[in-house]
Amino acid sequence: MENKLEYSFDDEVVSKFCYDMFEKKIDIYFTGYSDTIKNECFLDKNCVLTIENWSSAKSKIDNPNDIYDYKDLDVYIGVFSMILHIEKQGEDLYLSVNTINDKYISLLFIKPVVSFKII
C-alpha cells in the first residue's frame, strides 16, 4: 500500500473536532485541503477527515526535554487545532497534531478505517 495520502492539511486550522470514544471514531473538519495527487494544489472546500474502527490507538506528548512513551489514546488526546503531519505506514496511521491548549501530540492508530469527504 502506498504511504502517500491523496490529501494534506498543512497549515489548515481545524474548524470542528468530534471524538466518540465508545464508537472509536474521530471526525476532523477543515475549510480547505491540499490535493496531493491529482492537482497538487490547495482547494478551498469544506471537508472532513474521519478515522474510525481502529484496533488500538496510542498517544504521547511531543516534548524535546522529556521522552514520553505511547500511552492509551485517552491519556494525552486533546481538541485538535491543527494537523502538523499525517502519514500512513502499511495499515497504521500516524498523526502529529497541535491542540487548542498548545500541546504537541503524536497519535498512532493501528489498522484504522480512514476516509475523506468533501461536504
PDB file of N, CA and C in Angstrom:
ATOM      1  N   MET A   1       0.846  -1.184   0.000  1.00  0.00           N
ATOM      2  CA  MET A   1       0.000   0.000   0.000  1.00  0.00           C
ATOM      3  C   MET A   1       0.889   1.245   0.000  1.00  0.00           C
ATOM      4  N   GLU A   2       0.535   2.199  -0.805  1.00  0.00           N
ATOM      5  CA  GLU A   2       1.293   3.433  -0.897  1.00  0.00           C
ATOM      6  C   GLU A   2       1.130   4.270   0.374  1.00  0.00           C
ATOM      7  N   ASN A   3       2.212   4.874   0.825  1.00  0.00           N
ATOM      8  CA  ASN A   3       2.187   5.656   2.055  1.00  0.00           C
ATOM      9  C   ASN A   3       1.607   7.046   1.858  1.00  0.00           C
ATOM     10  N   LYS A   4       1.638   7.566   0.643  1.00  0.00           N
ATOM     11  CA  LYS A   4       1.190   8.935   0.411  1.00  0.00           C
ATOM     12  C   LYS A   4      -0.330   9.005   0.358  1.00  0.00           C
ATOM     13  N   LEU A   5      -0.892   9.918   1.122  1.00  0.00           N
ATOM     14  CA  LEU A   5      -2.330  10.133   1.104  1.00  0.00           C
ATOM     15  C   LEU A   5      -2.670  11.107  -0.009  1.00  0.00           C
ATOM     16  N   GLU A   6      -3.904  11.105  -0.446  1.00  0.00           N
ATOM     17  CA  GLU A   6      -4.340  11.967  -1.544  1.00  0.00           C
ATOM     18  C   GLU A   6      -4.642  13.393  -1.089  1.00  0.00           C
ATOM     19  N   TYR A   7      -4.501  13.661   0.185  1.00  0.00           N
ATOM     20  CA  TYR A   7      -4.863  14.964   0.732  1.00  0.00           C
ATOM     21  C   TYR A   7      -3.896  15.350   1.831  1.00  0.00           C
ATOM     22  N   SER A   8      -3.817  16.642   2.063  1.00  0.00           N
ATOM     23  CA  SER A   8      -2.946  17.178   3.102  1.00  0.00           C
ATOM     24  C   SER A   8      -3.643  18.375   3.746  1.00  0.00           C
ATOM     25  N   PHE A   9      -3.297  18.641   4.991  1.00  0.00           N
ATOM     26  CA  PHE A   9      -3.929  19.743   5.722  1.00  0.00           C
ATOM     27  C   PHE A   9      -2.889  20.679   6.314  1.00  0.00           C
ATOM     28  N   ASP A  10      -1.753  20.784   5.647  1.00  0.00           N
ATOM     29  CA  ASP A  10      -0.667  21.645   6.132  1.00  0.00           C
ATOM     30  C   ASP A  10      -1.156  23.066   6.347  1.00  0.00           C
ATOM     31  N   ASP A  11      -0.916  23.589   7.549  1.00  0.00           N
ATOM     32  CA  ASP A  11      -1.266  24.964   7.924  1.00  0.00           C
ATOM     33  C   ASP A  11      -2.761  25.259   7.898  1.00  0.00           C
ATOM     34  N   GLU A  12      -3.597  24.224   7.875  1.00  0.00           N
ATOM     35  CA  GLU A  12      -5.045  24.421   7.900  1.00  0.00           C
ATOM     36  C   GLU A  12      -5.564  24.245   9.328  1.00  0.00           C
ATOM     37  N   VAL A  13      -6.288  25.231   9.812  1.00  0.00           N
ATOM     38  CA  VAL A  13      -6.856  25.175  11.159  1.00  0.00           C
ATOM     39  C   VAL A  13      -8.080  24.263  11.148  1.00  0.00           C
ATOM     40  N   VAL A  14      -8.197  23.434  12.154  1.00  0.00           N
ATOM     41  CA  VAL A  14      -9.357  22.555  12.311  1.00  0.00           C
ATOM     42  C   VAL A  14     -10.559  23.425  12.665  1.00  0.00           C
ATOM     43  N   SER A  15     -11.645  23.290  11.903  1.00  0.00           N
ATOM     44  CA  SER A  15     -12.832  24.099  12.173  1.00  0.00           C
ATOM     45  C   SER A  15     -13.813  23.404  13.122  1.00  0.00           C
ATOM     46  N   LYS A  16     -13.717  22.075  13.222  1.00  0.00           N
ATOM     47  CA  LYS A  16     -14.603  21.315  14.115  1.00  0.00           C
ATOM     48  C   LYS A  16     -13.923  19.985  14.405  1.00  0.00           C
ATOM     49  N   PHE A  17     -14.043  19.526  15.654  1.00  0.00           N
ATOM     50  CA  PHE A  17     -13.404  18.285  16.077  1.00  0.00           C
ATOM     51  C   PHE A  17     -14.396  17.476  16.892  1.00  0.00           C
ATOM     52  N   CYS A  18     -14.609  16.220  16.505  1.00  0.00           N
ATOM     53  CA  CYS A  18     -15.531  15.342  17.226  1.00  0.00           C
ATOM     54  C   CYS A  18     -14.840  14.009  17.515  1.00  0.00           C
ATOM     55  N   TYR A  19     -14.846  13.612  18.786  1.00  0.00           N
ATOM     56  CA  TYR A  19     -14.231  12.346  19.202  1.00  0.00           C
ATOM     57  C   TYR A  19     -15.266  11.530  19.963  1.00  0.00           C
ATOM     58  N   ASP A  20     -15.588  10.356  19.442  1.00  0.00           N
ATOM     59  CA  ASP A  20     -16.513   9.434  20.091  1.00  0.00           C
ATOM     60  C   ASP A  20     -15.691   8.247  20.585  1.00  0.00           C
ATOM     61  N   MET A  21     -15.379   8.239  21.880  1.00  0.00           N
ATOM     62  CA  MET A  21     -14.513   7.209  22.438  1.00  0.00           C
ATOM     63  C   MET A  21     -15.166   5.832  22.470  1.00  0.00           C
ATOM     64  N   PHE A  22     -16.484   5.782  22.517  1.00  0.00           N
ATOM     65  CA  PHE A  22     -17.162   4.495  22.573  1.00  0.00           C
ATOM     66  C   PHE A  22     -17.281   3.852  21.200  1.00  0.00           C
ATOM     67  N   GLU A  23     -17.494   4.659  20.180  1.00  0.00           N
ATOM     68  CA  GLU A  23     -17.615   4.154  18.813  1.00  0.00           C
ATOM     69  C   GLU A  23     -16.278   4.101  18.080  1.00  0.00           C
ATOM     70  N   LYS A  24     -15.196   4.563  18.735  1.00  0.00           N
ATOM     71  CA  LYS A  24     -13.864   4.630  18.122  1.00  0.00           C
ATOM     72  C   LYS A  24     -13.930   5.404  16.808  1.00  0.00           C
ATOM     73  N   LYS A  25     -14.282   6.679  16.931  1.00  0.00           N
ATOM     74  CA  LYS A  25     -14.418   7.499  15.735  1.00  0.00           C
ATOM     75  C   LYS A  25     -13.991   8.935  16.030  1.00  0.00           C
ATOM     76  N   ILE A  26     -13.189   9.494  15.118  1.00  0.00           N
ATOM     77  CA  ILE A  26     -12.776  10.890  15.185  1.00  0.00           C
ATOM     78  C   ILE A  26     -13.106  11.541  13.849  1.00  0.00           C
ATOM     79  N   ASP A  27     -13.828  12.658  13.888  1.00  0.00           N
ATOM     80  CA  ASP A  27     -14.111  13.466  12.706  1.00  0.00           C
ATOM     81  C   ASP A  27     -13.384  14.786  12.869  1.00  0.00           C
ATOM     82  N   ILE A  28     -12.590  15.149  11.842  1.00  0.00           N
ATOM     83  CA  ILE A  28     -11.825  16.391  11.861  1.00  0.00           C
ATOM     84  C   ILE A  28     -12.245  17.204  10.644  1.00  0.00           C
ATOM     85  N   TYR A  29     -12.806  18.386  10.880  1.00  0.00           N
ATOM     86  CA  TYR A  29     -13.347  19.225   9.811  1.00  0.00           C
ATOM     87  C   TYR A  29     -12.383  20.355   9.472  1.00  0.00           C
ATOM     88  N   PHE A  30     -12.319  20.677   8.182  1.00  0.00           N
ATOM     89  CA  PHE A  30     -11.472  21.752   7.670  1.00  0.00           C
ATOM     90  C   PHE A  30     -12.254  22.585   6.660  1.00  0.00           C
ATOM     91  N   THR A  31     -11.802  23.808   6.419  1.00  0.00           N
ATOM     92  CA  THR A  31     -12.428  24.651   5.389  1.00  0.00           C
ATOM     93  C   THR A  31     -11.698  24.537   4.057  1.00  0.00           C
ATOM     94  N   GLY A  32     -10.640  23.747   4.002  1.00  0.00           N
ATOM     95  CA  GLY A  32      -9.901  23.517   2.773  1.00  0.00           C
ATOM     96  C   GLY A  32      -8.853  22.448   2.970  1.00  0.00           C
ATOM     97  N   TYR A  33      -8.292  21.990   1.860  1.00  0.00           N
ATOM     98  CA  TYR A  33      -7.271  20.950   1.905  1.00  0.00           C
ATOM     99  C   TYR A  33      -6.403  21.049   0.664  1.00  0.00           C
ATOM    100  N   SER A  34      -5.282  20.363   0.699  1.00  0.00           N
ATOM    101  CA  SER A  34      -4.408  20.295  -0.466  1.00  0.00           C
ATOM    102  C   SER A  34      -4.557  18.930  -1.116  1.00  0.00           C
ATOM    103  N   ASP A  35      -4.785  18.939  -2.402  1.00  0.00           N
ATOM    104  CA  ASP A  35      -4.847  17.721  -3.203  1.00  0.00           C
ATOM    105  C   ASP A  35      -3.402  17.359  -3.538  1.00  0.00           C
ATOM    106  N   THR A  36      -2.915  16.258  -3.032  1.00  0.00           N
ATOM    107  CA  THR A  36      -1.503  15.919  -3.203  1.00  0.00           C
ATOM    108  C   THR A  36      -1.239  14.986  -4.385  1.00  0.00           C
ATOM    109  N   ILE A  37      -2.286  14.487  -5.023  1.00  0.00           N
ATOM    110  CA  ILE A  37      -2.104  13.533  -6.118  1.00  0.00           C
ATOM    111  C   ILE A  37      -2.520  14.125  -7.466  1.00  0.00           C
ATOM    112  N   LYS A  38      -3.772  14.512  -7.606  1.00  0.00           N
ATOM    113  CA  LYS A  38      -4.309  14.923  -8.914  1.00  0.00           C
ATOM    114  C   LYS A  38      -3.864  16.320  -9.336  1.00  0.00           C
ATOM    115  N   ASN A  39      -4.223  17.320  -8.559  1.00  0.00           N
ATOM    116  CA  ASN A  39      -3.970  18.709  -8.953  1.00  0.00           C
ATOM    117  C   ASN A  39      -2.759  19.325  -8.270  1.00  0.00           C
ATOM    118  N   GLU A  40      -2.324  18.722  -7.168  1.00  0.00           N
ATOM    119  CA  GLU A  40      -1.227  19.260  -6.364  1.00  0.00           C
ATOM    120  C   GLU A  40      -1.424  20.743  -6.068  1.00  0.00           C
ATOM    121  N   CYS A  41      -2.626  21.079  -5.583  1.00  0.00           N
ATOM    122  CA  CYS A  41      -2.931  22.468  -5.262  1.00  0.00           C
ATOM    123  C   CYS A  41      -3.897  22.514  -4.081  1.00  0.00           C
ATOM    124  N   PHE A  42      -4.067  23.717  -3.533  1.00  0.00           N
ATOM    125  CA  PHE A  42      -4.997  23.918  -2.419  1.00  0.00           C
ATOM    126  C   PHE A  42      -6.410  24.075  -2.968  1.00  0.00           C
ATOM    127  N   LEU A  43      -7.371  23.443  -2.328  1.00  0.00           N
ATOM    128  CA  LEU A  43      -8.774  23.545  -2.716  1.00  0.00           C
ATOM    129  C   LEU A  43      -9.559  24.108  -1.542  1.00  0.00           C
ATOM    130  N   ASP A  44     -10.229  25.199  -1.780  1.00  0.00           N
ATOM    131  CA  ASP A  44     -10.997  25.903  -0.753  1.00  0.00           C
ATOM    132  C   ASP A  44     -12.393  25.282  -0.659  1.00  0.00           C
ATOM    133  N   LYS A  45     -12.460  24.072  -0.095  1.00  0.00           N
ATOM    134  CA  LYS A  45     -13.725  23.333   0.021  1.00  0.00           C
ATOM    135  C   LYS A  45     -13.823  22.726   1.410  1.00  0.00           C
ATOM    136  N   ASN A  46     -14.980  22.851   2.029  1.00  0.00           N
ATOM    137  CA  ASN A  46     -15.199  22.233   3.338  1.00  0.00           C
ATOM    138  C   ASN A  46     -15.073  20.720   3.205  1.00  0.00           C
ATOM    139  N   CYS A  47     -14.409  20.111   4.181  1.00  0.00           N
ATOM    140  CA  CYS A  47     -14.179  18.678   4.110  1.00  0.00           C
ATOM    141  C   CYS A  47     -14.051  18.097   5.518  1.00  0.00           C
ATOM    142  N   VAL A  48     -14.122  16.773   5.576  1.00  0.00           N
ATOM    143  CA  VAL A  48     -13.979  16.076   6.860  1.00  0.00           C
ATOM    144  C   VAL A  48     -13.085  14.851   6.664  1.00  0.00           C
ATOM    145  N   LEU A  49     -12.148  14.697   7.575  1.00  0.00           N
ATOM    146  CA  LEU A  49     -11.300  13.515   7.646  1.00  0.00           C
ATOM    147  C   LEU A  49     -11.839  12.671   8.794  1.00  0.00           C
ATOM    148  N   THR A  50     -12.146  11.408   8.520  1.00  0.00           N
ATOM    149  CA  THR A  50     -12.676  10.507   9.544  1.00  0.00           C
ATOM    150  C   THR A  50     -11.702   9.361   9.773  1.00  0.00           C
ATOM    151  N   ILE A  51     -11.423   9.118  11.036  1.00  0.00           N
ATOM    152  CA  ILE A  51     -10.593   7.995  11.466  1.00  0.00           C
ATOM    153  C   ILE A  51     -11.469   7.174  12.398  1.00  0.00           C
ATOM    154  N   GLU A  52     -11.651   5.890  12.087  1.00  0.00           N
ATOM    155  CA  GLU A  52     -12.568   5.091  12.902  1.00  0.00           C
ATOM    156  C   GLU A  52     -12.200   3.612  12.888  1.00  0.00           C
ATOM    157  N   ASN A  53     -12.848   2.889  13.769  1.00  0.00           N
ATOM    158  CA  ASN A  53     -12.754   1.425  13.844  1.00  0.00           C
ATOM    159  C   ASN A  53     -11.325   0.913  13.953  1.00  0.00           C
ATOM    160  N   TRP A  54     -10.486   1.608  14.715  1.00  0.00           N
ATOM    161  CA  TRP A  54      -9.113   1.164  14.882  1.00  0.00           C
ATOM    162  C   TRP A  54      -9.041  -0.026  15.828  1.00  0.00           C
ATOM    163  N   SER A  55      -7.999  -0.847  15.654  1.00  0.00           N
ATOM    164  CA  SER A  55      -7.768  -1.984  16.556  1.00  0.00           C
ATOM    165  C   SER A  55      -7.307  -1.490  17.918  1.00  0.00           C
ATOM    166  N   SER A  56      -6.364  -0.541  17.888  1.00  0.00           N
ATOM    167  CA  SER A  56      -5.930   0.134  19.102  1.00  0.00           C
ATOM    168  C   SER A  56      -5.392   1.498  18.704  1.00  0.00           C
ATOM    169  N   ALA A  57      -5.291   2.378  19.681  1.00  0.00           N
ATOM    170  CA  ALA A  57      -4.803   3.736  19.415  1.00  0.00           C
ATOM    171  C   ALA A  57      -3.987   4.189  20.616  1.00  0.00           C
ATOM    172  N   LYS A  58      -2.915   4.892  20.321  1.00  0.00           N
ATOM    173  CA  LYS A  58      -1.998   5.368  21.348  1.00  0.00           C
ATOM    174  C   LYS A  58      -1.711   6.850  21.146  1.00  0.00           C
ATOM    175  N   SER A  59      -1.260   7.503  22.211  1.00  0.00           N
ATOM    176  CA  SER A  59      -0.903   8.918  22.123  1.00  0.00           C
ATOM    177  C   SER A  59       0.316   9.184  23.006  1.00  0.00           C
ATOM    178  N   LYS A  60       1.035  10.240  22.662  1.00  0.00           N
ATOM    179  CA  LYS A  60       2.149  10.688  23.501  1.00  0.00           C
ATOM    180  C   LYS A  60       2.352  12.174  23.260  1.00  0.00           C
ATOM    181  N   ILE A  61       2.903  12.827  24.268  1.00  0.00           N
ATOM    182  CA  ILE A  61       3.210  14.249  24.160  1.00  0.00           C
ATOM    183  C   ILE A  61       4.584  14.383  23.517  1.00  0.00           C
ATOM    184  N   ASP A  62       4.674  15.282  22.542  1.00  0.00           N
ATOM    185  CA  ASP A  62       5.969  15.590  21.926  1.00  0.00           C
ATOM    186  C   ASP A  62       6.619  16.690  22.749  1.00  0.00           C
ATOM    187  N   ASN A  63       7.707  16.344  23.406  1.00  0.00           N
ATOM    188  CA  ASN A  63       8.408  17.294  24.252  1.00  0.00           C
ATOM    189  C   ASN A  63       9.901  17.027  24.124  1.00  0.00           C
ATOM    190  N   PRO A  64      10.654  17.981  23.591  1.00  0.00           N
ATOM    191  CA  PRO A  64      12.088  17.736  23.390  1.00  0.00           C
ATOM    192  C   PRO A  64      12.866  17.542  24.695  1.00  0.00           C
ATOM    193  N   ASN A  65      12.325  17.994  25.820  1.00  0.00           N
ATOM    194  CA  ASN A  65      13.032  17.863  27.100  1.00  0.00           C
ATOM    195  C   ASN A  65      12.772  16.529  27.787  1.00  0.00           C
ATOM    196  N   ASP A  66      11.699  15.865  27.414  1.00  0.00           N
ATOM    197  CA  ASP A  66      11.346  14.584  28.019  1.00  0.00           C
ATOM    198  C   ASP A  66      10.986  13.591  26.925  1.00  0.00           C
ATOM    199  N   ILE A  67      11.185  12.335  27.230  1.00  0.00           N
ATOM    200  CA  ILE A  67      10.778  11.289  26.301  1.00  0.00           C
ATOM    201  C   ILE A  67       9.575  10.579  26.920  1.00  0.00           C
ATOM    202  N   TYR A  68       8.447  10.672  26.222  1.00  0.00           N
ATOM    203  CA  TYR A  68       7.228  10.015  26.672  1.00  0.00           C
ATOM    204  C   TYR A  68       6.983   8.803  25.787  1.00  0.00           C
ATOM    205  N   ASP A  69       6.643   7.706  26.394  1.00  0.00           N
ATOM    206  CA  ASP A  69       6.239   6.533  25.636  1.00  0.00           C
ATOM    207  C   ASP A  69       4.774   6.675  25.282  1.00  0.00           C
ATOM    208  N   TYR A  70       4.365   5.973  24.250  1.00  0.00           N
ATOM    209  CA  TYR A  70       2.949   5.979  23.892  1.00  0.00           C
ATOM    210  C   TYR A  70       2.124   5.397  25.034  1.00  0.00           C
ATOM    211  N   LYS A  71       1.019   6.042  25.313  1.00  0.00           N
ATOM    212  CA  LYS A  71       0.040   5.586  26.309  1.00  0.00           C
ATOM    213  C   LYS A  71      -1.279   5.363  25.581  1.00  0.00           C
ATOM    214  N   ASP A  72      -2.321   4.961  26.302  1.00  0.00           N
ATOM    215  CA  ASP A  72      -3.645   4.839  25.702  1.00  0.00           C
ATOM    216  C   ASP A  72      -4.053   6.173  25.084  1.00  0.00           C
ATOM    217  N   LEU A  73      -4.845   6.129  24.047  1.00  0.00           N
ATOM    218  CA  LEU A  73      -5.255   7.330  23.322  1.00  0.00           C
ATOM    219  C   LEU A  73      -5.820   8.402  24.246  1.00  0.00           C
ATOM    220  N   ASP A  74      -6.652   8.009  25.186  1.00  0.00           N
ATOM    221  CA  ASP A  74      -7.338   8.969  26.055  1.00  0.00           C
ATOM    222  C   ASP A  74      -6.420   9.695  27.035  1.00  0.00           C
ATOM    223  N   VAL A  75      -5.199   9.211  27.231  1.00  0.00           N
ATOM    224  CA  VAL A  75      -4.291   9.830  28.197  1.00  0.00           C
ATOM    225  C   VAL A  75      -3.873  11.225  27.753  1.00  0.00           C
ATOM    226  N   TYR A  76      -3.523  11.379  26.471  1.00  0.00           N
ATOM    227  CA  TYR A  76      -2.997  12.664  26.015  1.00  0.00           C
ATOM    228  C   TYR A  76      -3.840  13.366  24.955  1.00  0.00           C
ATOM    229  N   ILE A  77      -4.872  12.730  24.444  1.00  0.00           N
ATOM    230  CA  ILE A  77      -5.643  13.356  23.366  1.00  0.00           C
ATOM    231  C   ILE A  77      -6.268  14.662  23.852  1.00  0.00           C
ATOM    232  N   GLY A  78      -6.335  15.617  22.965  1.00  0.00           N
ATOM    233  CA  GLY A  78      -6.970  16.899  23.243  1.00  0.00           C
ATOM    234  C   GLY A  78      -7.740  17.330  22.005  1.00  0.00           C
ATOM    235  N   VAL A  79      -8.321  18.480  22.064  1.00  0.00           N
ATOM    236  CA  VAL A  79      -9.054  19.013  20.912  1.00  0.00           C
ATOM    237  C   VAL A  79      -8.038  19.534  19.904  1.00  0.00           C
ATOM    238  N   PHE A  80      -8.061  18.988  18.698  1.00  0.00           N
ATOM    239  CA  PHE A  80      -7.096  19.361  17.673  1.00  0.00           C
ATOM    240  C   PHE A  80      -7.338  20.785  17.191  1.00  0.00           C
ATOM    241  N   SER A  81      -6.252  21.539  17.033  1.00  0.00           N
ATOM    242  CA  SER A  81      -6.356  22.844  16.373  1.00  0.00           C
ATOM    243  C   SER A  81      -5.721  22.785  14.991  1.00  0.00           C
ATOM    244  N   MET A  82      -4.787  21.829  14.799  1.00  0.00           N
ATOM    245  CA  MET A  82      -4.112  21.714  13.512  1.00  0.00           C
ATOM    246  C   MET A  82      -3.434  20.347  13.406  1.00  0.00           C
ATOM    247  N   ILE A  83      -3.504  19.743  12.228  1.00  0.00           N
ATOM    248  CA  ILE A  83      -2.722  18.539  11.958  1.00  0.00           C
ATOM    249  C   ILE A  83      -1.404  19.001  11.356  1.00  0.00           C
ATOM    250  N   LEU A  84      -0.312  18.643  11.995  1.00  0.00           N
ATOM    251  CA  LEU A  84       1.003  19.047  11.520  1.00  0.00           C
ATOM    252  C   LEU A  84       1.591  18.046  10.535  1.00  0.00           C
ATOM    253  N   HIS A  85       1.284  16.778  10.748  1.00  0.00           N
ATOM    254  CA  HIS A  85       1.803  15.724   9.875  1.00  0.00           C
ATOM    255  C   HIS A  85       0.855  14.541   9.933  1.00  0.00           C
ATOM    256  N   ILE A  86       0.627  13.930   8.791  1.00  0.00           N
ATOM    257  CA  ILE A  86      -0.188  12.720   8.720  1.00  0.00           C
ATOM    258  C   ILE A  86       0.514  11.758   7.774  1.00  0.00           C
ATOM    259  N   GLU A  87       0.622  10.505   8.201  1.00  0.00           N
ATOM    260  CA  GLU A  87       1.340   9.528   7.387  1.00  0.00           C
ATOM    261  C   GLU A  87       0.754   8.144   7.599  1.00  0.00           C
ATOM    262  N   LYS A  88       0.538   7.452   6.521  1.00  0.00           N
ATOM    263  CA  LYS A  88       0.078   6.079   6.586  1.00  0.00           C
ATOM    264  C   LYS A  88       1.280   5.178   6.363  1.00  0.00           C
ATOM    265  N   GLN A  89       1.481   4.226   7.266  1.00  0.00           N
ATOM    266  CA  GLN A  89       2.554   3.250   7.134  1.00  0.00           C
ATOM    267  C   GLN A  89       1.926   1.868   7.175  1.00  0.00           C
ATOM    268  N   GLY A  90       1.840   1.244   6.029  1.00  0.00           N
ATOM    269  CA  GLY A  90       1.137  -0.036   5.945  1.00  0.00           C
ATOM    270  C   GLY A  90      -0.326   0.176   6.297  1.00  0.00           C
ATOM    271  N   GLU A  91      -0.801  -0.541   7.299  1.00  0.00           N
ATOM    272  CA  GLU A  91      -2.194  -0.396   7.726  1.00  0.00           C
ATOM    273  C   GLU A  91      -2.359   0.589   8.881  1.00  0.00           C
ATOM    274  N   ASP A  92      -1.255   1.174   9.355  1.00  0.00           N
ATOM    275  CA  ASP A  92      -1.301   2.063  10.515  1.00  0.00           C
ATOM    276  C   ASP A  92      -1.250   3.529  10.086  1.00  0.00           C
ATOM    277  N   LEU A  93      -1.768   4.403  10.953  1.00  0.00           N
ATOM    278  CA  LEU A  93      -1.812   5.828  10.669  1.00  0.00           C
ATOM    279  C   LEU A  93      -1.137   6.589  11.803  1.00  0.00           C
ATOM    280  N   TYR A  94      -0.203   7.465  11.439  1.00  0.00           N
ATOM    281  CA  TYR A  94       0.487   8.332  12.392  1.00  0.00           C
ATOM    282  C   TYR A  94       0.042   9.766  12.166  1.00  0.00           C
ATOM    283  N   LEU A  95      -0.225  10.472  13.261  1.00  0.00           N
ATOM    284  CA  LEU A  95      -0.587  11.890  13.204  1.00  0.00           C
ATOM    285  C   LEU A  95       0.250  12.665  14.206  1.00  0.00           C
ATOM    286  N   SER A  96       0.679  13.836  13.807  1.00  0.00           N
ATOM    287  CA  SER A  96       1.226  14.824  14.748  1.00  0.00           C
ATOM    288  C   SER A  96       0.250  15.979  14.734  1.00  0.00           C
ATOM    289  N   VAL A  97      -0.211  16.359  15.913  1.00  0.00           N
ATOM    290  CA  VAL A  97      -1.216  17.419  15.989  1.00  0.00           C
ATOM    291  C   VAL A  97      -0.822  18.460  17.027  1.00  0.00           C
ATOM    292  N   ASN A  98      -1.370  19.634  16.848  1.00  0.00           N
ATOM    293  CA  ASN A  98      -1.306  20.699  17.844  1.00  0.00           C
ATOM    294  C   ASN A  98      -2.716  20.815  18.403  1.00  0.00           C
ATOM    295  N   THR A  99      -2.835  20.984  19.716  1.00  0.00           N
ATOM    296  CA  THR A  99      -4.155  21.085  20.341  1.00  0.00           C
ATOM    297  C   THR A  99      -4.483  22.541  20.670  1.00  0.00           C
ATOM    298  N   ILE A 100      -5.738  22.794  21.020  1.00  0.00           N
ATOM    299  CA  ILE A 100      -6.153  24.177  21.316  1.00  0.00           C
ATOM    300  C   ILE A 100      -5.473  24.738  22.557  1.00  0.00           C
ATOM    301  N   ASN A 101      -4.937  23.857  23.422  1.00  0.00           N
ATOM    302  CA  ASN A 101      -4.172  24.345  24.579  1.00  0.00           C
ATOM    303  C   ASN A 101      -2.663  24.289  24.297  1.00  0.00           C
ATOM    304  N   ASP A 102      -2.309  24.315  23.021  1.00  0.00           N
ATOM    305  CA  ASP A 102      -0.942  24.431  22.519  1.00  0.00           C
ATOM    306  C   ASP A 102      -0.016  23.302  22.960  1.00  0.00           C
ATOM    307  N   LYS A 103      -0.525  22.070  22.958  1.00  0.00           N
ATOM    308  CA  LYS A 103       0.309  20.897  23.187  1.00  0.00           C
ATOM    309  C   LYS A 103       0.537  20.216  21.838  1.00  0.00           C
ATOM    310  N   TYR A 104       1.681  19.598  21.717  1.00  0.00           N
ATOM    311  CA  TYR A 104       2.020  18.853  20.515  1.00  0.00           C
ATOM    312  C   TYR A 104       1.951  17.369  20.859  1.00  0.00           C
ATOM    313  N   ILE A 105       1.100  16.656  20.138  1.00  0.00           N
ATOM    314  CA  ILE A 105       0.813  15.267  20.466  1.00  0.00           C
ATOM    315  C   ILE A 105       1.006  14.389  19.238  1.00  0.00           C
ATOM    316  N   SER A 106       1.599  13.214  19.447  1.00  0.00           N
ATOM    317  CA  SER A 106       1.703  12.197  18.404  1.00  0.00           C
ATOM    318  C   SER A 106       0.652  11.134  18.684  1.00  0.00           C
ATOM    319  N   LEU A 107      -0.013  10.710  17.619  1.00  0.00           N
ATOM    320  CA  LEU A 107      -1.055   9.693  17.731  1.00  0.00           C
ATOM    321  C   LEU A 107      -0.721   8.545  16.792  1.00  0.00           C
ATOM    322  N   LEU A 108      -0.989   7.351  17.240  1.00  0.00           N
ATOM    323  CA  LEU A 108      -0.789   6.151  16.442  1.00  0.00           C
ATOM    324  C   LEU A 108      -2.086   5.357  16.453  1.00  0.00           C
ATOM    325  N   PHE A 109      -2.630   5.104  15.276  1.00  0.00           N
ATOM    326  CA  PHE A 109      -3.841   4.303  15.122  1.00  0.00           C
ATOM    327  C   PHE A 109      -3.462   3.014  14.405  1.00  0.00           C
ATOM    328  N   ILE A 110      -3.766   1.880  15.029  1.00  0.00           N
ATOM    329  CA  ILE A 110      -3.477   0.576  14.453  1.00  0.00           C
ATOM    330  C   ILE A 110      -4.690   0.101  13.650  1.00  0.00           C
ATOM    331  N   LYS A 111      -4.463  -0.118  12.372  1.00  0.00           N
ATOM    332  CA  LYS A 111      -5.479  -0.621  11.439  1.00  0.00           C
ATOM    333  C   LYS A 111      -6.784   0.187  11.475  1.00  0.00           C
ATOM    334  N   PRO A 112      -6.709   1.516  11.327  1.00  0.00           N
ATOM    335  CA  PRO A 112      -7.948   2.291  11.297  1.00  0.00           C
ATOM    336  C   PRO A 112      -8.586   2.267   9.907  1.00  0.00           C
ATOM    337  N   VAL A 113      -9.833   2.646   9.855  1.00  0.00           N
ATOM    338  CA  VAL A 113     -10.500   2.957   8.598  1.00  0.00           C
ATOM    339  C   VAL A 113     -10.427   4.472   8.468  1.00  0.00           C
ATOM    340  N   VAL A 114      -9.802   4.949   7.395  1.00  0.00           N
ATOM    341  CA  VAL A 114      -9.616   6.378   7.177  1.00  0.00           C
ATOM    342  C   VAL A 114     -10.390   6.767   5.930  1.00  0.00           C
ATOM    343  N   SER A 115     -11.213   7.822   6.070  1.00  0.00           N
ATOM    344  CA  SER A 115     -11.960   8.300   4.907  1.00  0.00           C
ATOM    345  C   SER A 115     -11.907   9.817   4.861  1.00  0.00           C
ATOM    346  N   PHE A 116     -12.082  10.334   3.682  1.00  0.00           N
ATOM    347  CA  PHE A 116     -12.045  11.774   3.429  1.00  0.00           C
ATOM    348  C   PHE A 116     -13.240  12.124   2.560  1.00  0.00           C
ATOM    349  N   LYS A 117     -13.921  13.208   2.924  1.00  0.00           N
ATOM    350  CA  LYS A 117     -15.132  13.562   2.186  1.00  0.00           C
ATOM    351  C   LYS A 117     -15.235  15.091   2.083  1.00  0.00           C
ATOM    352  N   ILE A 118     -15.556  15.573   0.894  1.00  0.00           N
ATOM    353  CA  ILE A 118     -15.861  16.988   0.700  1.00  0.00           C
ATOM    354  C   ILE A 118     -17.334  17.159   1.061  1.00  0.00           C
ATOM    355  N   ILE A 119     -17.619  18.179   1.890  1.00  0.00           N
ATOM    356  CA  ILE A 119     -19.006  18.384   2.353  1.00  0.00           C
ATOM    357  C   ILE A 119     -19.557  19.709   1.879  1.00  0.00           C
TER     358      ILE A 119
END
